[in-house]
PDB file of N, CA and C in Angstrom:
ATOM      1  N   MET A   1      -0.901  -8.463  10.872  1.00  0.00           N
ATOM      2  CA  MET A   1      -1.751  -8.216   9.708  1.00  0.00           C
ATOM      3  C   MET A   1      -2.678  -7.038  10.015  1.00  0.00           C
ATOM      4  N   VAL A   2      -2.883  -6.205   9.028  1.00  0.00           N
ATOM      5  CA  VAL A   2      -3.772  -5.036   9.146  1.00  0.00           C
ATOM      6  C   VAL A   2      -5.092  -5.396   8.518  1.00  0.00           C
ATOM      7  N   ARG A   3      -6.168  -5.073   9.182  1.00  0.00           N
ATOM      8  CA  ARG A   3      -7.521  -5.286   8.649  1.00  0.00           C
ATOM      9  C   ARG A   3      -8.146  -3.943   8.362  1.00  0.00           C
ATOM     10  N   GLU A   4      -8.665  -3.789   7.131  1.00  0.00           N
ATOM     11  CA  GLU A   4      -9.323  -2.581   6.718  1.00  0.00           C
ATOM     12  C   GLU A   4     -10.659  -2.896   6.060  1.00  0.00           C
ATOM     13  N   ARG A   5     -11.658  -2.042   6.328  1.00  0.00           N
ATOM     14  CA  ARG A   5     -12.965  -2.158   5.693  1.00  0.00           C
ATOM     15  C   ARG A   5     -13.060  -1.119   4.575  1.00  0.00           C
ATOM     16  N   ILE A   6     -13.423  -1.594   3.378  1.00  0.00           N
ATOM     17  CA  ILE A   6     -13.505  -0.743   2.213  1.00  0.00           C
ATOM     18  C   ILE A   6     -14.996  -0.604   1.819  1.00  0.00           C
ATOM     19  N   TYR A   7     -15.436   0.598   1.578  1.00  0.00           N
ATOM     20  CA  TYR A   7     -16.821   0.841   1.195  1.00  0.00           C
ATOM     21  C   TYR A   7     -16.874   1.210  -0.300  1.00  0.00           C
ATOM     22  N   ILE A   8     -17.541   0.389  -1.080  1.00  0.00           N
ATOM     23  CA  ILE A   8     -17.693   0.670  -2.515  1.00  0.00           C
ATOM     24  C   ILE A   8     -18.392   2.032  -2.708  1.00  0.00           C
ATOM     25  N   SER A   9     -17.926   2.800  -3.675  1.00  0.00           N
ATOM     26  CA  SER A   9     -18.482   4.111  -4.018  1.00  0.00           C
ATOM     27  C   SER A   9     -18.199   5.185  -2.969  1.00  0.00           C
ATOM     28  N   HIS A  10     -17.229   5.001  -2.098  1.00  0.00           N
ATOM     29  CA  HIS A  10     -16.803   6.011  -1.103  1.00  0.00           C
ATOM     30  C   HIS A  10     -15.318   6.128  -1.159  1.00  0.00           C
ATOM     31  N   ASP A  11     -14.808   7.235  -0.646  1.00  0.00           N
ATOM     32  CA  ASP A  11     -13.355   7.405  -0.504  1.00  0.00           C
ATOM     33  C   ASP A  11     -12.872   6.383   0.526  1.00  0.00           C
ATOM     34  N   ASN A  12     -11.791   5.778   0.235  1.00  0.00           N
ATOM     35  CA  ASN A  12     -11.251   4.699   1.090  1.00  0.00           C
ATOM     36  C   ASN A  12      -9.743   4.948   1.288  1.00  0.00           C
ATOM     37  N   ILE A  13      -9.444   5.787   2.271  1.00  0.00           N
ATOM     38  CA  ILE A  13      -8.036   6.136   2.527  1.00  0.00           C
ATOM     39  C   ILE A  13      -7.565   5.406   3.761  1.00  0.00           C
ATOM     40  N   VAL A  14      -6.472   4.656   3.583  1.00  0.00           N
ATOM     41  CA  VAL A  14      -5.848   3.911   4.653  1.00  0.00           C
ATOM     42  C   VAL A  14      -4.502   4.512   4.947  1.00  0.00           C
ATOM     43  N   MET A  15      -4.252   4.889   6.172  1.00  0.00           N
ATOM     44  CA  MET A  15      -2.957   5.418   6.584  1.00  0.00           C
ATOM     45  C   MET A  15      -2.249   4.409   7.456  1.00  0.00           C
ATOM     46  N   LEU A  16      -1.044   4.094   7.085  1.00  0.00           N
ATOM     47  CA  LEU A  16      -0.258   3.096   7.833  1.00  0.00           C
ATOM     48  C   LEU A  16       1.097   3.671   8.167  1.00  0.00           C
ATOM     49  N   LYS A  17       1.642   3.248   9.313  1.00  0.00           N
ATOM     50  CA  LYS A  17       3.005   3.578   9.666  1.00  0.00           C
ATOM     51  C   LYS A  17       3.835   2.335   9.342  1.00  0.00           C
ATOM     52  N   LEU A  18       4.857   2.466   8.523  1.00  0.00           N
ATOM     53  CA  LEU A  18       5.727   1.325   8.254  1.00  0.00           C
ATOM     54  C   LEU A  18       6.777   1.236   9.374  1.00  0.00           C
ATOM     55  N   THR A  19       6.885   0.030   9.930  1.00  0.00           N
ATOM     56  CA  THR A  19       7.837  -0.175  11.032  1.00  0.00           C
ATOM     57  C   THR A  19       8.752  -1.342  10.692  1.00  0.00           C
ATOM     58  N   THR A  20       9.894  -1.348  11.333  1.00  0.00           N
ATOM     59  CA  THR A  20      10.790  -2.426  11.252  1.00  0.00           C
ATOM     60  C   THR A  20      11.253  -2.750  12.674  1.00  0.00           C
ATOM     61  N   ASP A  21      11.082  -3.981  13.086  1.00  0.00           N
ATOM     62  CA  ASP A  21      11.408  -4.378  14.462  1.00  0.00           C
ATOM     63  C   ASP A  21      10.744  -3.437  15.476  1.00  0.00           C
ATOM     64  N   SER A  22       9.499  -3.044  15.248  1.00  0.00           N
ATOM     65  CA  SER A  22       8.689  -2.215  16.105  1.00  0.00           C
ATOM     66  C   SER A  22       9.129  -0.751  16.114  1.00  0.00           C
ATOM     67  N   ASP A  23      10.103  -0.355  15.327  1.00  0.00           N
ATOM     68  CA  ASP A  23      10.527   1.040  15.214  1.00  0.00           C
ATOM     69  C   ASP A  23       9.979   1.646  13.944  1.00  0.00           C
ATOM     70  N   ASN A  24       9.450   2.890  14.044  1.00  0.00           N
ATOM     71  CA  ASN A  24       8.998   3.547  12.836  1.00  0.00           C
ATOM     72  C   ASN A  24      10.144   3.837  11.898  1.00  0.00           C
ATOM     73  N   LEU A  25       9.867   3.765  10.585  1.00  0.00           N
ATOM     74  CA  LEU A  25      10.927   4.121   9.624  1.00  0.00           C
ATOM     75  C   LEU A  25      11.279   5.607   9.790  1.00  0.00           C
ATOM     76  N   THR A  26      12.518   5.909   9.494  1.00  0.00           N
ATOM     77  CA  THR A  26      12.948   7.274   9.498  1.00  0.00           C
ATOM     78  C   THR A  26      12.552   7.924   8.170  1.00  0.00           C
ATOM     79  N   GLN A  27      12.622   9.238   8.093  1.00  0.00           N
ATOM     80  CA  GLN A  27      12.323   9.906   6.831  1.00  0.00           C
ATOM     81  C   GLN A  27      13.295   9.484   5.737  1.00  0.00           C
ATOM     82  N   ASP A  28      14.566   9.252   6.036  1.00  0.00           N
ATOM     83  CA  ASP A  28      15.521   8.781   5.062  1.00  0.00           C
ATOM     84  C   ASP A  28      15.126   7.416   4.509  1.00  0.00           C
ATOM     85  N   GLN A  29      14.607   6.548   5.382  1.00  0.00           N
ATOM     86  CA  GLN A  29      14.176   5.247   4.884  1.00  0.00           C
ATOM     87  C   GLN A  29      12.946   5.342   3.991  1.00  0.00           C
ATOM     88  N   TYR A  30      11.998   6.248   4.305  1.00  0.00           N
ATOM     89  CA  TYR A  30      10.876   6.468   3.426  1.00  0.00           C
ATOM     90  C   TYR A  30      11.369   7.080   2.101  1.00  0.00           C
ATOM     91  N   ASP A  31      12.298   7.983   2.167  1.00  0.00           N
ATOM     92  CA  ASP A  31      12.812   8.620   0.960  1.00  0.00           C
ATOM     93  C   ASP A  31      13.515   7.618   0.030  1.00  0.00           C
ATOM     94  N   ALA A  32      14.040   6.533   0.581  1.00  0.00           N
ATOM     95  CA  ALA A  32      14.735   5.529  -0.211  1.00  0.00           C
ATOM     96  C   ALA A  32      13.773   4.575  -0.945  1.00  0.00           C
ATOM     97  N   ILE A  33      12.482   4.599  -0.530  1.00  0.00           N
ATOM     98  CA  ILE A  33      11.544   3.710  -1.223  1.00  0.00           C
ATOM     99  C   ILE A  33      11.382   4.173  -2.655  1.00  0.00           C
ATOM    100  N   THR A  34      11.489   3.217  -3.582  1.00  0.00           N
ATOM    101  CA  THR A  34      11.370   3.552  -5.004  1.00  0.00           C
ATOM    102  C   THR A  34      10.060   3.076  -5.623  1.00  0.00           C
ATOM    103  N   ARG A  35       9.396   2.134  -4.964  1.00  0.00           N
ATOM    104  CA  ARG A  35       8.217   1.525  -5.593  1.00  0.00           C
ATOM    105  C   ARG A  35       7.547   0.701  -4.527  1.00  0.00           C
ATOM    106  N   MET A  36       6.201   0.516  -4.674  1.00  0.00           N
ATOM    107  CA  MET A  36       5.418  -0.374  -3.804  1.00  0.00           C
ATOM    108  C   MET A  36       4.410  -1.122  -4.674  1.00  0.00           C
ATOM    109  N   THR A  37       4.091  -2.319  -4.263  1.00  0.00           N
ATOM    110  CA  THR A  37       3.032  -3.058  -4.974  1.00  0.00           C
ATOM    111  C   THR A  37       2.116  -3.713  -3.914  1.00  0.00           C
ATOM    112  N   LEU A  38       0.870  -3.917  -4.369  1.00  0.00           N
ATOM    113  CA  LEU A  38      -0.109  -4.692  -3.610  1.00  0.00           C
ATOM    114  C   LEU A  38      -0.532  -5.813  -4.485  1.00  0.00           C
ATOM    115  N   ASP A  39      -0.537  -7.037  -3.966  1.00  0.00           N
ATOM    116  CA  ASP A  39      -0.927  -8.203  -4.713  1.00  0.00           C
ATOM    117  C   ASP A  39      -2.326  -8.652  -4.253  1.00  0.00           C
ATOM    118  N   PHE A  40      -3.349  -8.346  -5.060  1.00  0.00           N
ATOM    119  CA  PHE A  40      -4.707  -8.755  -4.754  1.00  0.00           C
ATOM    120  C   PHE A  40      -5.001 -10.124  -5.399  1.00  0.00           C
ATOM    121  N   GLY A  41      -4.466 -11.163  -4.799  1.00  0.00           N
ATOM    122  CA  GLY A  41      -4.722 -12.522  -5.334  1.00  0.00           C
ATOM    123  C   GLY A  41      -4.313 -12.706  -6.778  1.00  0.00           C
ATOM    124  N   GLY A  42      -3.155 -12.189  -7.122  1.00  0.00           N
ATOM    125  CA  GLY A  42      -2.679 -12.317  -8.527  1.00  0.00           C
ATOM    126  C   GLY A  42      -2.826 -11.078  -9.370  1.00  0.00           C
ATOM    127  N   VAL A  43      -3.661 -10.141  -8.931  1.00  0.00           N
ATOM    128  CA  VAL A  43      -3.825  -8.854  -9.616  1.00  0.00           C
ATOM    129  C   VAL A  43      -2.865  -7.887  -8.876  1.00  0.00           C
ATOM    130  N   ILE A  44      -1.796  -7.455  -9.571  1.00  0.00           N
ATOM    131  CA  ILE A  44      -0.779  -6.634  -8.988  1.00  0.00           C
ATOM    132  C   ILE A  44      -1.107  -5.141  -9.247  1.00  0.00           C
ATOM    133  N   VAL A  45      -1.134  -4.360  -8.166  1.00  0.00           N
ATOM    134  CA  VAL A  45      -1.318  -2.903  -8.283  1.00  0.00           C
ATOM    135  C   VAL A  45       0.090  -2.354  -7.972  1.00  0.00           C
ATOM    136  N   ASP A  46       0.678  -1.648  -8.949  1.00  0.00           N
ATOM    137  CA  ASP A  46       2.081  -1.233  -8.865  1.00  0.00           C
ATOM    138  C   ASP A  46       2.143   0.295  -8.909  1.00  0.00           C
ATOM    139  N   SER A  47       2.866   0.882  -7.941  1.00  0.00           N
ATOM    140  CA  SER A  47       2.996   2.333  -7.853  1.00  0.00           C
ATOM    141  C   SER A  47       3.659   2.892  -9.117  1.00  0.00           C
ATOM    142  N   ASP A  48       4.508   2.066  -9.793  1.00  0.00           N
ATOM    143  CA  ASP A  48       5.144   2.536 -11.035  1.00  0.00           C
ATOM    144  C   ASP A  48       4.086   2.698 -12.139  1.00  0.00           C
ATOM    145  N   ILE A  49       2.983   2.023 -12.050  1.00  0.00           N
ATOM    146  CA  ILE A  49       1.952   2.079 -13.097  1.00  0.00           C
ATOM    147  C   ILE A  49       0.800   3.020 -12.695  1.00  0.00           C
ATOM    148  N   VAL A  50       0.252   2.844 -11.463  1.00  0.00           N
ATOM    149  CA  VAL A  50      -0.913   3.675 -11.064  1.00  0.00           C
ATOM    150  C   VAL A  50      -0.514   4.972 -10.493  1.00  0.00           C
ATOM    151  N   GLY A  51       0.761   5.156 -10.137  1.00  0.00           N
ATOM    152  CA  GLY A  51       1.265   6.457  -9.643  1.00  0.00           C
ATOM    153  C   GLY A  51       1.503   6.488  -8.155  1.00  0.00           C
ATOM    154  N   GLU A  52       2.357   7.368  -7.758  1.00  0.00           N
ATOM    155  CA  GLU A  52       2.629   7.620  -6.326  1.00  0.00           C
ATOM    156  C   GLU A  52       2.831   9.084  -6.093  1.00  0.00           C
ATOM    157  N   GLY A  53       2.379   9.521  -4.969  1.00  0.00           N
ATOM    158  CA  GLY A  53       2.427  10.939  -4.601  1.00  0.00           C
ATOM    159  C   GLY A  53       1.117  11.366  -4.025  1.00  0.00           C
ATOM    160  N   ALA A  54       1.008  12.609  -3.691  1.00  0.00           N
ATOM    161  CA  ALA A  54      -0.140  13.143  -2.911  1.00  0.00           C
ATOM    162  C   ALA A  54      -1.501  12.924  -3.594  1.00  0.00           C
ATOM    163  N   THR A  55      -1.558  12.835  -4.885  1.00  0.00           N
ATOM    164  CA  THR A  55      -2.856  12.699  -5.595  1.00  0.00           C
ATOM    165  C   THR A  55      -3.023  11.330  -6.214  1.00  0.00           C
ATOM    166  N   GLN A  56      -2.207  10.372  -5.841  1.00  0.00           N
ATOM    167  CA  GLN A  56      -2.189   9.031  -6.456  1.00  0.00           C
ATOM    168  C   GLN A  56      -2.623   7.971  -5.426  1.00  0.00           C
ATOM    169  N   PRO A  57      -2.841   6.720  -5.848  1.00  0.00           N
ATOM    170  CA  PRO A  57      -3.209   5.676  -4.923  1.00  0.00           C
ATOM    171  C   PRO A  57      -2.148   5.388  -3.814  1.00  0.00           C
ATOM    172  N   PHE A  58      -0.906   5.522  -4.144  1.00  0.00           N
ATOM    173  CA  PHE A  58       0.182   5.316  -3.153  1.00  0.00           C
ATOM    174  C   PHE A  58       0.796   6.658  -2.816  1.00  0.00           C
ATOM    175  N   ASP A  59       0.964   6.945  -1.540  1.00  0.00           N
ATOM    176  CA  ASP A  59       1.693   8.173  -1.157  1.00  0.00           C
ATOM    177  C   ASP A  59       2.509   7.843   0.100  1.00  0.00           C
ATOM    178  N   TRP A  60       3.788   7.870  -0.040  1.00  0.00           N
ATOM    179  CA  TRP A  60       4.683   7.711   1.090  1.00  0.00           C
ATOM    180  C   TRP A  60       5.659   8.867   1.159  1.00  0.00           C
ATOM    181  N   THR A  61       5.262  10.003   0.598  1.00  0.00           N
ATOM    182  CA  THR A  61       6.194  11.102   0.422  1.00  0.00           C
ATOM    183  C   THR A  61       6.249  12.112   1.593  1.00  0.00           C
ATOM    184  N   SER A  62       5.324  11.981   2.546  1.00  0.00           N
ATOM    185  CA  SER A  62       5.360  13.011   3.583  1.00  0.00           C
ATOM    186  C   SER A  62       4.930  12.413   4.944  1.00  0.00           C
ATOM    187  N   ASP A  63       5.351  13.052   5.966  1.00  0.00           N
ATOM    188  CA  ASP A  63       4.953  12.745   7.351  1.00  0.00           C
ATOM    189  C   ASP A  63       5.225  11.342   7.815  1.00  0.00           C
ATOM    190  N   ARG A  64       6.195  10.673   7.152  1.00  0.00           N
ATOM    191  CA  ARG A  64       6.631   9.340   7.603  1.00  0.00           C
ATOM    192  C   ARG A  64       5.434   8.389   7.792  1.00  0.00           C
ATOM    193  N   LYS A  65       4.567   8.362   6.798  1.00  0.00           N
ATOM    194  CA  LYS A  65       3.477   7.371   6.819  1.00  0.00           C
ATOM    195  C   LYS A  65       3.178   6.997   5.382  1.00  0.00           C
ATOM    196  N   LEU A  66       2.497   5.886   5.227  1.00  0.00           N
ATOM    197  CA  LEU A  66       2.056   5.380   3.946  1.00  0.00           C
ATOM    198  C   LEU A  66       0.569   5.631   3.834  1.00  0.00           C
ATOM    199  N   ILE A  67       0.143   6.318   2.804  1.00  0.00           N
ATOM    200  CA  ILE A  67      -1.275   6.547   2.566  1.00  0.00           C
ATOM    201  C   ILE A  67      -1.678   5.710   1.336  1.00  0.00           C
ATOM    202  N   LEU A  68      -2.636   4.827   1.489  1.00  0.00           N
ATOM    203  CA  LEU A  68      -3.164   4.059   0.361  1.00  0.00           C
ATOM    204  C   LEU A  68      -4.560   4.605   0.118  1.00  0.00           C
ATOM    205  N   ASP A  69      -4.790   5.165  -1.048  1.00  0.00           N
ATOM    206  CA  ASP A  69      -6.123   5.664  -1.401  1.00  0.00           C
ATOM    207  C   ASP A  69      -6.738   4.579  -2.299  1.00  0.00           C
ATOM    208  N   LEU A  70      -7.358   3.606  -1.660  1.00  0.00           N
ATOM    209  CA  LEU A  70      -7.934   2.462  -2.378  1.00  0.00           C
ATOM    210  C   LEU A  70      -9.123   2.889  -3.250  1.00  0.00           C
ATOM    211  N   GLY A  71      -9.739   4.028  -2.947  1.00  0.00           N
ATOM    212  CA  GLY A  71     -10.824   4.544  -3.771  1.00  0.00           C
ATOM    213  C   GLY A  71     -10.344   4.898  -5.164  1.00  0.00           C
ATOM    214  N   LYS A  72      -9.058   5.114  -5.369  1.00  0.00           N
ATOM    215  CA  LYS A  72      -8.537   5.435  -6.682  1.00  0.00           C
ATOM    216  C   LYS A  72      -8.182   4.202  -7.514  1.00  0.00           C
ATOM    217  N   LEU A  73      -8.372   3.014  -6.937  1.00  0.00           N
ATOM    218  CA  LEU A  73      -8.141   1.790  -7.670  1.00  0.00           C
ATOM    219  C   LEU A  73      -9.391   1.381  -8.407  1.00  0.00           C
ATOM    220  N   SER A  74      -9.258   0.549  -9.350  1.00  0.00           N
ATOM    221  CA  SER A  74     -10.393   0.027 -10.149  1.00  0.00           C
ATOM    222  C   SER A  74     -11.391  -0.658  -9.235  1.00  0.00           C
ATOM    223  N   THR A  75     -12.655  -0.409  -9.416  1.00  0.00           N
ATOM    224  CA  THR A  75     -13.704  -1.096  -8.674  1.00  0.00           C
ATOM    225  C   THR A  75     -13.592  -2.588  -8.809  1.00  0.00           C
ATOM    226  N   ALA A  76     -13.169  -3.074  -9.951  1.00  0.00           N
ATOM    227  CA  ALA A  76     -13.009  -4.493 -10.162  1.00  0.00           C
ATOM    228  C   ALA A  76     -11.963  -5.101  -9.228  1.00  0.00           C
ATOM    229  N   ILE A  77     -10.965  -4.314  -8.904  1.00  0.00           N
ATOM    230  CA  ILE A  77      -9.930  -4.854  -8.008  1.00  0.00           C
ATOM    231  C   ILE A  77     -10.464  -4.993  -6.557  1.00  0.00           C
ATOM    232  N   ILE A  78     -11.244  -4.017  -6.130  1.00  0.00           N
ATOM    233  CA  ILE A  78     -11.689  -4.020  -4.741  1.00  0.00           C
ATOM    234  C   ILE A  78     -13.178  -4.472  -4.660  1.00  0.00           C
ATOM    235  N   ALA A  79     -13.628  -5.218  -5.573  1.00  0.00           N
ATOM    236  CA  ALA A  79     -15.045  -5.593  -5.608  1.00  0.00           C
ATOM    237  C   ALA A  79     -15.377  -6.768  -4.724  1.00  0.00           C
ATOM    238  N   LYS A  80     -14.393  -7.358  -4.082  1.00  0.00           N
ATOM    239  CA  LYS A  80     -14.687  -8.475  -3.197  1.00  0.00           C
ATOM    240  C   LYS A  80     -13.718  -8.464  -2.012  1.00  0.00           C
ATOM    241  N   HIS A  81     -13.952  -9.375  -1.103  1.00  0.00           N
ATOM    242  CA  HIS A  81     -13.146  -9.478   0.067  1.00  0.00           C
ATOM    243  C   HIS A  81     -11.779 -10.148  -0.273  1.00  0.00           C
ATOM    244  N   TYR A  82     -10.719  -9.636   0.301  1.00  0.00           N
ATOM    245  CA  TYR A  82      -9.420 -10.234   0.061  1.00  0.00           C
ATOM    246  C   TYR A  82      -8.751 -10.539   1.398  1.00  0.00           C
ATOM    247  N   ASP A  83      -8.334 -11.771   1.556  1.00  0.00           N
ATOM    248  CA  ASP A  83      -7.493 -12.132   2.651  1.00  0.00           C
ATOM    249  C   ASP A  83      -6.034 -12.004   2.197  1.00  0.00           C
ATOM    250  N   SER A  84      -5.231 -11.480   3.050  1.00  0.00           N
ATOM    251  CA  SER A  84      -3.796 -11.460   2.791  1.00  0.00           C
ATOM    252  C   SER A  84      -3.372 -10.772   1.505  1.00  0.00           C
ATOM    253  N   VAL A  85      -3.714  -9.520   1.300  1.00  0.00           N
ATOM    254  CA  VAL A  85      -3.198  -8.729   0.223  1.00  0.00           C
ATOM    255  C   VAL A  85      -1.744  -8.453   0.546  1.00  0.00           C
ATOM    256  N   LYS A  86      -0.839  -8.943  -0.323  1.00  0.00           N
ATOM    257  CA  LYS A  86       0.580  -8.828  -0.055  1.00  0.00           C
ATOM    258  C   LYS A  86       1.087  -7.447  -0.378  1.00  0.00           C
ATOM    259  N   HIS A  87       1.782  -6.781   0.550  1.00  0.00           N
ATOM    260  CA  HIS A  87       2.374  -5.469   0.386  1.00  0.00           C
ATOM    261  C   HIS A  87       3.873  -5.609   0.217  1.00  0.00           C
ATOM    262  N   ILE A  88       4.427  -5.205  -0.926  1.00  0.00           N
ATOM    263  CA  ILE A  88       5.846  -5.345  -1.220  1.00  0.00           C
ATOM    264  C   ILE A  88       6.461  -3.976  -1.382  1.00  0.00           C
ATOM    265  N   VAL A  89       7.593  -3.734  -0.764  1.00  0.00           N
ATOM    266  CA  VAL A  89       8.298  -2.450  -0.832  1.00  0.00           C
ATOM    267  C   VAL A  89       9.616  -2.662  -1.492  1.00  0.00           C
ATOM    268  N   TYR A  90       9.955  -1.726  -2.422  1.00  0.00           N
ATOM    269  CA  TYR A  90      11.206  -1.777  -3.179  1.00  0.00           C
ATOM    270  C   TYR A  90      12.073  -0.576  -2.853  1.00  0.00           C
ATOM    271  N   SER A  91      13.370  -0.782  -2.792  1.00  0.00           N
ATOM    272  CA  SER A  91      14.342   0.284  -2.529  1.00  0.00           C
ATOM    273  C   SER A  91      15.688  -0.139  -3.136  1.00  0.00           C
ATOM    274  N   PRO A  92      16.626   0.750  -3.151  1.00  0.00           N
ATOM    275  CA  PRO A  92      17.962   0.346  -3.660  1.00  0.00           C
ATOM    276  C   PRO A  92      18.573  -0.847  -2.914  1.00  0.00           C
ATOM    277  N   ASP A  93      18.250  -0.958  -1.614  1.00  0.00           N
ATOM    278  CA  ASP A  93      18.756  -2.107  -0.812  1.00  0.00           C
ATOM    279  C   ASP A  93      17.947  -3.358  -1.107  1.00  0.00           C
ATOM    280  N   ASN A  94      16.744  -3.224  -1.624  1.00  0.00           N
ATOM    281  CA  ASN A  94      15.838  -4.335  -1.888  1.00  0.00           C
ATOM    282  C   ASN A  94      15.255  -4.207  -3.263  1.00  0.00           C
ATOM    283  N   PRO A  95      16.070  -4.292  -4.369  1.00  0.00           N
ATOM    284  CA  PRO A  95      15.563  -4.046  -5.695  1.00  0.00           C
ATOM    285  C   PRO A  95      14.543  -5.067  -6.188  1.00  0.00           C
ATOM    286  N   ASN A  96      14.562  -6.303  -5.598  1.00  0.00           N
ATOM    287  CA  ASN A  96      13.612  -7.345  -5.971  1.00  0.00           C
ATOM    288  C   ASN A  96      12.366  -7.314  -5.062  1.00  0.00           C
ATOM    289  N   GLY A  97      12.322  -6.369  -4.166  1.00  0.00           N
ATOM    290  CA  GLY A  97      11.155  -6.203  -3.309  1.00  0.00           C
ATOM    291  C   GLY A  97      11.273  -6.994  -1.997  1.00  0.00           C
ATOM    292  N   LEU A  98      10.721  -6.400  -0.973  1.00  0.00           N
ATOM    293  CA  LEU A  98      10.700  -6.986   0.349  1.00  0.00           C
ATOM    294  C   LEU A  98       9.235  -7.064   0.772  1.00  0.00           C
ATOM    295  N   VAL A  99       8.770  -8.287   1.063  1.00  0.00           N
ATOM    296  CA  VAL A  99       7.383  -8.444   1.519  1.00  0.00           C
ATOM    297  C   VAL A  99       7.246  -7.769   2.901  1.00  0.00           C
ATOM    298  N   TRP A 100       6.517  -6.673   2.926  1.00  0.00           N
ATOM    299  CA  TRP A 100       6.442  -5.883   4.141  1.00  0.00           C
ATOM    300  C   TRP A 100       5.393  -6.427   5.103  1.00  0.00           C
ATOM    301  N   GLY A 101       4.346  -6.988   4.547  1.00  0.00           N
ATOM    302  CA  GLY A 101       3.268  -7.519   5.366  1.00  0.00           C
ATOM    303  C   GLY A 101       2.048  -7.826   4.511  1.00  0.00           C
ATOM    304  N   TYR A 102       0.942  -8.030   5.178  1.00  0.00           N
ATOM    305  CA  TYR A 102      -0.306  -8.424   4.542  1.00  0.00           C
ATOM    306  C   TYR A 102      -1.433  -7.563   5.038  1.00  0.00           C
ATOM    307  N   LEU A 103      -2.383  -7.260   4.162  1.00  0.00           N
ATOM    308  CA  LEU A 103      -3.561  -6.524   4.529  1.00  0.00           C
ATOM    309  C   LEU A 103      -4.750  -7.432   4.325  1.00  0.00           C
ATOM    310  N   ASP A 104      -5.697  -7.424   5.278  1.00  0.00           N
ATOM    311  CA  ASP A 104      -6.920  -8.122   5.137  1.00  0.00           C
ATOM    312  C   ASP A 104      -7.980  -7.045   4.809  1.00  0.00           C
ATOM    313  N   ILE A 105      -8.547  -7.109   3.592  1.00  0.00           N
ATOM    314  CA  ILE A 105      -9.429  -6.084   3.125  1.00  0.00           C
ATOM    315  C   ILE A 105     -10.886  -6.623   3.063  1.00  0.00           C
ATOM    316  N   LEU A 106     -11.776  -6.002   3.829  1.00  0.00           N
ATOM    317  CA  LEU A 106     -13.139  -6.328   3.849  1.00  0.00           C
ATOM    318  C   LEU A 106     -13.928  -5.368   3.011  1.00  0.00           C
ATOM    319  N   VAL A 107     -14.716  -5.848   2.073  1.00  0.00           N
ATOM    320  CA  VAL A 107     -15.479  -4.938   1.173  1.00  0.00           C
ATOM    321  C   VAL A 107     -16.924  -4.909   1.659  1.00  0.00           C
ATOM    322  N   ALA A 108     -17.447  -3.708   1.833  1.00  0.00           N
ATOM    323  CA  ALA A 108     -18.874  -3.540   2.282  1.00  0.00           C
ATOM    324  C   ALA A 108     -19.636  -2.747   1.229  1.00  0.00           C
TER     325      ALA A 108
END
């Protein structure tokens, strides 16, 4: 589980390396990702809706890393502490989504 501290009214950029069996994903594996979601206790933040790319909340397009810009999400979503925010990754091999892991988000 990843633990991140989020500060209200500040930029909150989280950079993660996605791994499988302790190996970093290849660029081809990142390129195959079609969508990501974060489940904040029933509130789903979906890259298909909020956007993905260099200026959006989700960016997995470069340098083989995932950048989550949580400052671009609604303050209402990140207004409290969340245990176990579920991170789901979608690709042609996993069209129904694969639970990649969980984030523990502390709000300050």
